[in-house]
Structure formats: C-alpha cells, structure tokens
C-alpha cells in the first residue's frame, strides 16, 4: 500500500469514471470534485494480490473501480473466512478505525481509487458533504452485510447458491440477464463464503445445470438460463 502508483484524476476523468454514480464521491459538485480528484491515486492489481492486511495502519480509503475484492479474516488455524465481496462502486476501509480490521485481496484484474484518510479529513473541513456521503455508503454496505447474514443463517444450501449467483449477475449488469459472466471464486472459496462444504456446492451446481437453470463454460464462465426460476429458488 505504501507504493501506490500515482495517477491523479482530473475532473474529466472523474466525471467519466465508470462507477461515478456508485462511489462515495458522487455527492460532490464539479467544483469540489475537481479539488477532491487531485487527492486520488489509483492502482491496478492482478488476481490474488493483497490490497491491505488486518492490523496494518488504516492509511487509505478505497473505491473499487474495476473487478472484485475478497474481504476475509484469518482463522486461528490459518484458514480464510470470506466475510464479503467488494464490487465496483463499493468502499474499502473507513475513516474511523486506526487499523484495518480485515484482509482485502483482488479477485481477477482489479483497479481501485485510493484517498489518504488524513487528506479526506482535511478536505471535509470545507466540504462536509463528503463525510455525509461516506456515512451513507457505510450504512448501505452494512445493510448488505445484514442481508448476507440472514442468507447464511436462515437459508438452505440451494437458496444460498442461488442467491450467490444472482448477486454476481446483479453486479455484472450485462445487456441481458442471460449474458455470461465469470465466477470469481473457486469452489472451495464459494463453500467458505456460504458456510457450506465443497461437496455440497458442487452437488448443487450440478443440480442447477441438470435442471437447465444455469450453463457453465470454460474459463469459469456461467450463464443463468432461467433467471426467474433461479430467483424463485433464492
């Protein structure tokens, strides 16, 4: 994190950002955005690169521009417990804690826009709207986390897997609900994320394929063949 390659956005680049309407900076008008954009730095990550580590100084607040980020905790035995996924427009980190309280790792090619927390605090003295926007984004993501806890605690294995696939399809947002998208996690990671065994995950994927609700291709690509039917199972 200390060697982030600087790529200062100008106003045009911010306005043309693919997640402009989803990011926490969307509350700023053009005047404030031009000033705020000068604080930003972007970095690209390849698959499996560590973005930040639990316990390290909380120096940066990030916004996912491209790709997916795996958020996880390390258990005492060294295993990972995935607690959430960060999609384009999602915020990474916070402006309150002194240390990061989880690990963040890129899944596939990923690009993130970073802002130093100290510089955000200075900027907010004359632009308090950024604090309100960050708070709103935090509340939104906490709401998603509560929904996911409900999924893990109350849904069956079939419902969990259907919900997981619909979550990926929603964030893919192709031109058609039947458009193919990439499954970013390995089967074991999906099992860890959903609180299932890898055998259960594989069995239910096979069941969904046999019912012709999904179709898998090489390169971890998947198409939802019958979106409405899959949604009824979630």
Protein backbone atom coordinates (compact mmCIF):
# COMPACT_ATOMS: atom_id res chain seq x y z
CA UNK A 1 0.00 0.00 0.00
CA UNK A 2 2.90 2.39 0.55
CA UNK A 3 3.95 2.12 -3.10
CA UNK A 4 0.69 3.07 -4.80
CA UNK A 5 1.43 4.40 -8.26
CA UNK A 6 0.06 7.91 -8.54
CA UNK A 7 -2.36 8.72 -11.34
CA UNK A 8 -4.11 11.95 -10.39
CA UNK A 9 -7.55 12.18 -11.90
CA UNK A 10 -8.57 15.44 -13.49
CA UNK A 11 -12.20 16.49 -13.47
CA UNK A 12 -12.98 14.91 -16.85
CA UNK A 13 -11.64 11.54 -15.73
CA UNK A 14 -13.71 11.66 -12.55
CA UNK A 15 -16.85 12.56 -14.47
CA UNK A 16 -16.18 9.69 -16.88
CA UNK A 17 -15.41 7.20 -14.12
CA UNK A 18 -17.49 4.02 -14.69
CA UNK A 19 -18.57 3.99 -11.02
CA UNK A 20 -19.05 7.74 -10.62
CA UNK A 21 -22.71 7.36 -9.63
CA UNK A 22 -21.97 4.50 -7.23
CA UNK A 23 -18.90 5.83 -5.43
CA UNK A 24 -18.86 7.89 -2.23
CA UNK A 25 -17.53 10.90 -4.19
CA UNK A 26 -20.82 11.20 -6.11
CA UNK A 27 -22.14 13.79 -3.63
CA UNK A 28 -19.61 16.42 -4.73
CA UNK A 29 -20.39 19.14 -7.25
CA UNK A 30 -17.92 19.88 -10.03
CA UNK A 31 -16.04 22.49 -8.04
CA UNK A 32 -15.50 20.25 -5.03
CA UNK A 33 -14.90 17.20 -7.23
CA UNK A 34 -12.08 18.95 -9.06
CA UNK A 35 -10.33 19.60 -5.75
CA UNK A 36 -11.07 16.11 -4.42
CA UNK A 37 -9.87 14.41 -7.61
CA UNK A 38 -6.40 15.85 -7.05
CA UNK A 39 -6.19 13.77 -3.86
CA UNK A 40 -6.84 10.46 -5.62
CA UNK A 41 -4.40 7.77 -6.61
CA UNK A 42 -5.22 4.61 -8.50
CA UNK A 43 -3.59 1.22 -8.51
CA UNK A 44 -4.21 -1.87 -10.60
CA UNK A 45 -3.94 -5.33 -9.06
CA UNK A 46 -3.61 -8.74 -10.64
CA UNK A 47 -5.51 -11.75 -9.37
CA UNK A 48 -4.65 -12.73 -5.80
CA UNK A 49 -2.71 -9.61 -4.81
CA UNK A 50 -3.04 -8.40 -1.23
CA UNK A 51 -4.51 -4.89 -1.09
CA UNK A 52 -4.22 -4.41 2.66
CA UNK A 53 -3.81 -6.52 5.79
CA UNK A 54 -5.65 -6.73 9.07
CA UNK A 55 -3.81 -4.85 11.80
CA UNK A 56 -1.97 -2.51 9.43
CA UNK A 57 -2.38 1.25 9.78
CA UNK A 58 -5.62 2.46 8.21
CA UNK A 59 -4.00 4.95 5.86
CA UNK A 60 -6.23 4.80 2.78
CA UNK A 61 -9.92 4.73 1.93
CA UNK A 62 -10.58 2.98 -1.36
CA UNK A 63 -13.28 2.81 -4.00
CA UNK A 64 -13.41 -0.23 -6.29
CA UNK A 65 -13.42 0.86 -9.94
CA UNK A 66 -12.98 -2.48 -11.70
CA UNK A 67 -13.01 -6.11 -10.63
CA UNK A 68 -13.89 -7.73 -7.32
CA UNK A 69 -12.22 -7.62 -3.91
CA UNK A 70 -12.32 -10.53 -1.48
CA UNK A 71 -12.72 -9.39 2.14
CA UNK A 72 -11.70 -12.00 4.68
CA UNK A 73 -10.49 -12.78 8.19
CA UNK A 74 -7.80 -15.31 9.06
CA UNK A 75 -8.84 -18.02 11.50
CA UNK A 76 -6.51 -19.34 14.19
CA UNK A 77 -5.71 -22.41 12.07
CA UNK A 78 -4.69 -20.23 9.11
CA UNK A 79 -7.84 -20.75 7.06
CA UNK A 80 -9.57 -17.83 5.39
CA UNK A 81 -13.15 -16.90 6.23
CA UNK A 82 -14.55 -14.71 3.46
CA UNK A 83 -16.90 -12.19 5.04
CA UNK A 84 -17.88 -10.15 1.98
CA UNK A 85 -17.07 -9.24 -1.60
CA UNK A 86 -16.33 -5.73 -2.79
CA UNK A 87 -17.80 -4.86 -6.20
CA UNK A 88 -17.30 -1.79 -8.42
CA UNK A 89 -18.52 1.27 -6.54
CA UNK A 90 -18.03 -0.32 -3.12
CA UNK A 91 -15.91 1.36 -0.48
CA UNK A 92 -12.90 -0.30 1.15
CA UNK A 93 -11.82 0.68 4.64
CA UNK A 94 -13.19 3.50 6.77
CA UNK A 95 -12.15 6.86 8.18
CA UNK A 96 -12.56 6.00 11.87
CA UNK A 97 -10.52 2.94 12.82
CA UNK A 98 -6.78 3.35 13.29
CA UNK A 99 -6.11 -0.10 11.78
CA UNK A 100 -7.66 -2.22 9.04
CA UNK A 101 -9.87 -4.87 10.63
CA UNK A 102 -9.78 -7.36 7.75
CA UNK A 103 -7.70 -8.52 4.80
CA UNK A 104 -8.54 -7.40 1.27
CA UNK A 105 -7.36 -9.31 -1.81
CA UNK A 106 -8.01 -8.77 -5.51
CA UNK A 107 -10.04 -11.34 -7.44
CA UNK A 108 -9.06 -11.14 -11.09
CA UNK A 109 -7.81 -7.89 -12.61
CA UNK A 110 -8.85 -5.11 -10.24
CA UNK A 111 -8.48 -1.34 -10.15
CA UNK A 112 -9.02 0.77 -7.04
CA UNK A 113 -9.05 4.52 -6.46
CA UNK A 114 -7.41 5.44 -3.14
CA UNK A 115 -7.59 8.52 -0.93
CA UNK A 116 -5.45 9.12 2.13
CA UNK A 117 -7.70 9.27 5.19
CA UNK A 118 -5.82 12.27 6.59
CA UNK A 119 -6.35 14.21 3.35
CA UNK A 120 -10.05 13.31 3.32
CA UNK A 121 -10.36 14.73 6.83
CA UNK A 122 -8.66 17.95 5.77
CA UNK A 123 -10.85 18.21 2.67
CA UNK A 124 -14.00 17.64 4.73
CA UNK A 125 -13.36 20.75 6.83
CA UNK A 126 -14.58 22.86 3.91
CA UNK A 127 -16.62 20.13 2.17
CA UNK A 128 -18.67 18.28 4.82
CA UNK A 129 -20.76 16.64 2.09
CA UNK A 130 -18.00 14.06 1.67
CA UNK A 131 -18.49 12.89 5.26
CA UNK A 132 -22.23 12.51 4.71
CA UNK A 133 -21.60 10.53 1.53
CA UNK A 134 -19.06 8.24 3.23
CA UNK A 135 -21.51 7.68 6.08
CA UNK A 136 -24.26 6.89 3.57
CA UNK A 137 -22.02 4.40 1.77
CA UNK A 138 -21.06 2.80 5.08
CA UNK A 139 -24.73 2.44 6.04
CA UNK A 140 -25.55 0.95 2.64
CA UNK A 141 -22.79 -1.65 2.88
CA UNK A 142 -23.75 -2.52 6.45
CA UNK A 143 -27.27 -3.14 5.17
CA UNK A 144 -25.91 -5.52 2.55
CA UNK A 145 -23.89 -7.27 5.26
CA UNK A 146 -27.02 -7.76 7.39
CA UNK A 147 -28.84 -9.24 4.39
CA UNK A 148 -25.95 -11.63 3.83
CA UNK A 149 -26.01 -12.70 7.49
CA UNK A 150 -29.69 -13.55 7.02
CA UNK A 151 -28.80 -15.61 3.97
CA UNK A 152 -26.10 -17.52 5.84
CA UNK A 153 -28.19 -18.08 8.93
CA UNK A 154 -31.64 -18.92 7.59
CA UNK A 155 -31.41 -20.17 4.01
CA UNK A 156 -30.88 -23.68 2.73
CA UNK A 157 -27.83 -24.68 0.71
CA UNK A 158 -29.79 -24.43 -2.54
CA UNK A 159 -31.09 -20.97 -1.60
CA UNK A 160 -27.59 -19.80 -0.68
CA UNK A 161 -26.10 -20.85 -4.00
CA UNK A 162 -28.98 -19.38 -6.00
CA UNK A 163 -28.63 -16.10 -4.07
CA UNK A 164 -24.87 -16.09 -4.66
CA UNK A 165 -25.29 -16.49 -8.42
CA UNK A 166 -27.94 -13.77 -8.53
CA UNK A 167 -25.62 -11.47 -6.56
CA UNK A 168 -22.89 -11.94 -9.17
CA UNK A 169 -25.34 -11.47 -12.03
CA UNK A 170 -26.67 -8.25 -10.48
CA UNK A 171 -23.21 -6.75 -10.20
CA UNK A 172 -22.25 -7.92 -13.67
CA UNK A 173 -25.15 -5.92 -15.14
CA UNK A 174 -24.81 -7.03 -18.72
CA UNK A 175 -27.19 -6.13 -21.51
CA UNK A 176 -29.20 -9.28 -20.83
CA UNK A 177 -29.92 -11.33 -17.68
CA UNK A 178 -28.77 -14.33 -19.73
CA UNK A 179 -25.36 -12.83 -20.52
CA UNK A 180 -22.39 -14.93 -19.42
CA UNK A 181 -20.28 -13.73 -16.50
CA UNK A 182 -17.23 -15.06 -14.71
CA UNK A 183 -17.44 -16.87 -11.38
CA UNK A 184 -14.66 -15.08 -9.48
CA UNK A 185 -14.23 -17.61 -6.66
CA UNK A 186 -13.00 -21.18 -6.68
CA UNK A 187 -15.41 -23.86 -5.45
CA UNK A 188 -13.69 -24.02 -2.05
CA UNK A 189 -13.91 -20.24 -1.69
CA UNK A 190 -17.61 -20.33 -2.55
CA UNK A 191 -18.06 -23.02 0.09
CA UNK A 192 -16.23 -20.91 2.69
CA UNK A 193 -18.20 -17.81 1.73
CA UNK A 194 -21.56 -19.58 2.02
CA UNK A 195 -20.75 -21.73 5.06
CA UNK A 196 -21.04 -24.98 3.10
CA UNK A 197 -18.80 -27.89 2.20
CA UNK A 198 -17.20 -28.04 -1.24
CA UNK A 199 -19.11 -31.28 -1.91
CA UNK A 200 -22.43 -29.53 -1.23
CA UNK A 201 -21.51 -26.64 -3.51
CA UNK A 202 -20.51 -28.97 -6.34
CA UNK A 203 -23.66 -31.05 -5.94
CA UNK A 204 -25.99 -28.05 -6.11
CA UNK A 205 -24.17 -26.56 -9.09
CA UNK A 206 -24.67 -29.91 -10.84
CA UNK A 207 -28.36 -29.91 -9.87
CA UNK A 208 -28.86 -26.41 -11.29
CA UNK A 209 -27.16 -27.46 -14.52
CA UNK A 210 -29.24 -30.64 -14.80
CA UNK A 211 -32.40 -28.53 -14.37
CA UNK A 212 -31.08 -26.26 -17.15
CA UNK A 213 -31.19 -23.21 -14.91
CA UNK A 214 -27.50 -22.40 -15.45
CA UNK A 215 -24.86 -23.29 -18.00
CA UNK A 216 -21.11 -23.33 -17.33
CA UNK A 217 -18.33 -22.77 -19.83
CA UNK A 218 -14.55 -22.93 -19.90
CA UNK A 219 -12.73 -20.20 -18.03
CA UNK A 220 -15.16 -20.23 -15.07
CA UNK A 221 -17.85 -18.54 -17.17
CA UNK A 222 -21.52 -19.07 -16.36
CA UNK A 223 -24.88 -18.12 -17.87
CA UNK A 224 -28.16 -18.02 -15.98
CA UNK A 225 -30.50 -19.73 -18.44
CA UNK A 226 -33.74 -19.24 -16.48
CA UNK A 227 -33.36 -16.13 -14.33
CA UNK A 228 -36.91 -16.13 -12.95
CA UNK A 229 -36.77 -19.78 -11.93
CA UNK A 230 -33.39 -19.32 -10.25
CA UNK A 231 -34.75 -16.29 -8.40
CA UNK A 232 -37.66 -18.38 -7.12
CA UNK A 233 -35.12 -20.73 -5.52
CA UNK A 234 -33.18 -17.96 -3.76
